[in-house]
Amino acid sequence: QVQLVESGGGLVQPGGSLRLSCAASSITFSYYAMGWYRQAPGKQRELVAIITKSGSTSYGDSVKGRFTISRDNAKNTVYLQMNNLKVEDTAVYYCKADRVELGNTYWGQGTQVTVSS
């Protein structure tokens, strides 16, 4: 059974940092593109960052220069380093795994990030 388990969320003050982790199991992790998405109350889920299986990255406009996505294939884990957090970054953050050639897409259960003073 495929599992994506996010961790690292919590409450942080504006300007602070958090690092999210997403540990994958039961997939050949290195073959998957991995992404972070977020959904704030009353809003649609949006792309935060993605990293391809070759390590190329791309980011949503609102997080460019503040967030960094990375992966460790030996640990089957993708990370999201979030710096200079803003109140508007408050959301549930979800991890996603994609393998386009097989049509496989998996989602984690989400982790809450709250930025508040």
Protein backbone atom coordinates (compact mmCIF):
# COMPACT_ATOMS: atom_id res chain seq x y z
CA GLN A 1 0.00 0.00 0.00
CA VAL A 2 1.43 3.34 -1.07
CA GLN A 3 1.84 5.86 1.72
CA LEU A 4 3.00 9.45 1.72
CA VAL A 5 3.42 10.73 5.26
CA GLU A 6 4.00 14.44 5.82
CA SER A 7 5.52 15.88 8.98
CA GLY A 8 7.03 19.09 10.26
CA GLY A 9 4.03 21.37 10.26
CA GLY A 10 3.10 23.58 13.17
CA LEU A 11 2.67 27.09 14.45
CA VAL A 12 5.34 29.67 13.62
CA GLN A 13 5.58 33.45 13.83
CA PRO A 14 5.82 35.60 10.72
CA GLY A 15 9.39 35.64 9.46
CA GLY A 16 10.09 32.22 10.90
CA SER A 17 11.05 28.95 9.24
CA LEU A 18 9.79 25.40 9.04
CA ARG A 19 10.94 22.31 7.21
CA LEU A 20 8.34 19.85 5.99
CA SER A 21 9.16 16.25 5.20
CA CYS A 22 7.25 13.68 3.18
CA ALA A 23 8.29 10.07 3.52
CA ALA A 24 7.12 7.70 0.79
CA SER A 25 6.69 3.95 0.98
CA SER A 26 5.77 1.20 -1.47
CA ILE A 27 6.79 3.18 -4.56
CA THR A 28 10.04 3.33 -6.53
CA PHE A 29 10.64 6.82 -5.22
CA SER A 30 13.43 7.82 -7.60
CA TYR A 31 11.10 7.35 -10.59
CA TYR A 32 8.53 9.81 -9.27
CA ALA A 33 8.20 13.54 -9.60
CA MET A 34 7.37 14.93 -6.17
CA GLY A 35 5.45 18.03 -5.29
CA TRP A 36 4.14 20.13 -2.46
CA TYR A 37 0.72 21.74 -2.68
CA ARG A 38 -1.27 23.73 -0.17
CA GLN A 39 -4.87 24.57 0.51
CA ALA A 40 -6.05 27.43 2.68
CA PRO A 41 -9.61 27.58 4.06
CA GLY A 42 -12.05 28.58 1.34
CA LYS A 43 -9.42 28.44 -1.39
CA GLN A 44 -8.44 25.99 -4.09
CA ARG A 45 -5.43 23.73 -3.69
CA GLU A 46 -2.40 25.36 -5.29
CA LEU A 47 1.04 24.33 -6.37
CA VAL A 48 3.87 25.27 -4.02
CA ALA A 49 6.85 23.47 -5.53
CA ILE A 50 7.75 20.45 -7.58
CA ILE A 51 10.94 18.48 -8.14
CA THR A 52 11.35 16.08 -11.02
CA LYS A 53 13.03 12.69 -10.81
CA SER A 54 16.12 14.32 -12.32
CA GLY A 55 16.12 17.06 -9.69
CA SER A 56 14.77 20.01 -11.65
CA THR A 57 12.63 22.32 -9.55
CA SER A 58 9.90 24.86 -10.06
CA TYR A 59 7.93 27.03 -7.64
CA GLY A 60 4.68 28.90 -7.31
CA ASP A 61 5.13 32.64 -7.73
CA SER A 62 4.14 33.41 -4.15
CA VAL A 63 6.93 31.30 -2.63
CA LYS A 64 9.83 31.89 -5.05
CA GLY A 65 12.95 32.94 -3.20
CA ARG A 66 11.57 31.82 0.19
CA PHE A 67 10.88 28.08 -0.18
CA THR A 68 13.22 25.32 -1.36
CA ILE A 69 12.21 21.82 -2.38
CA SER A 70 14.71 18.96 -2.27
CA ARG A 71 14.72 15.20 -2.30
CA ASP A 72 16.76 12.38 -0.83
CA ASN A 73 16.21 9.26 -2.92
CA ALA A 74 18.13 7.11 -0.43
CA LYS A 75 15.58 8.02 2.24
CA ASN A 76 12.53 8.09 -0.06
CA THR A 77 11.85 11.56 1.28
CA VAL A 78 11.07 14.98 -0.17
CA TYR A 79 11.54 18.16 1.83
CA LEU A 80 10.21 21.68 1.75
CA GLN A 81 12.32 24.30 3.50
CA MET A 82 10.16 27.33 4.18
CA ASN A 83 11.84 30.57 5.19
CA ASN A 84 10.51 34.06 5.85
CA LEU A 85 7.04 32.68 6.40
CA LYS A 86 4.08 34.99 5.99
CA VAL A 87 0.58 34.87 7.43
CA GLU A 88 -0.71 34.08 3.94
CA ASP A 89 1.36 30.88 3.91
CA THR A 90 -1.08 29.43 6.43
CA ALA A 91 -2.61 26.30 4.90
CA VAL A 92 -2.66 22.53 4.93
CA TYR A 93 0.36 21.36 2.97
CA TYR A 94 0.10 18.17 0.93
CA CYS A 95 2.74 15.98 -0.64
CA LYS A 96 2.11 14.48 -4.09
CA ALA A 97 3.88 11.78 -6.06
CA ASP A 98 3.50 11.48 -9.83
CA ARG A 99 4.69 8.94 -12.34
CA VAL A 100 3.20 10.17 -15.60
CA GLU A 101 4.18 7.20 -17.75
CA LEU A 102 2.18 4.88 -15.50
CA GLY A 103 -0.62 7.33 -14.76
CA ASN A 104 0.10 6.99 -11.04
CA THR A 105 -0.67 9.84 -8.65
CA TYR A 106 -0.61 9.63 -4.88
CA TRP A 107 -1.36 12.20 -2.18
CA GLY A 108 -0.42 12.44 1.46
CA GLN A 109 -2.86 13.27 4.23
CA GLY A 110 -1.55 16.80 4.75
CA THR A 111 0.12 18.73 7.52
CA GLN A 112 -1.09 22.02 8.96
CA VAL A 113 1.14 25.09 8.80
CA THR A 114 -0.07 28.13 10.71
CA VAL A 115 1.79 31.43 10.56
CA SER A 116 0.59 33.80 13.23
CA SER A 117 1.90 36.23 15.80
